[in-house]
Amino acid sequence: FLGNNPRSRLHARVCDFHVTMVFLPTPGQVEKAGIGQRVRVTLTGSLDHPEIQLLSVALPNPAVAANVTNENPHITVATRTVPPAVANHMLRYATPVPLARGSVAVTGVVGAYLRGSG
């Protein structure tokens, strides 16, 4: 999905591109997250599976990285039939392939996905 291989195209369900710092954070974790802060994210590798495609990432800022509880920070790029959370399971058992041109740095903004109480 990252190269010119026609057999490895992007899966049908493209995800919103984000790095989950904390799943279901406490109010204290939200306060420490630095919402609105611009952060650098380094794309380090990829996994291309028949059901899910993802990019492994590193967070070079120690203050930002300290707030991440996800064991394997990543961006879920696309899925076929499985939910994006399957990426966490994949990363426990598979090693991402380093990016062909080395790591790539991108910039993002710390945000929050808020879910209603009903």
Foldseek 3Di string as FASTA:
>chain_A
DPDDPPVQDAADFFDDWDWQQDDPDDPVLVVQQQAFDKFKKKFFFWDGDQFWIKTWIDGPPPSNNVSGPLPTTITTTGGHPDDSVCVSVCVVPDDGDTDPVGIDMDMDGDHDDDDDPD
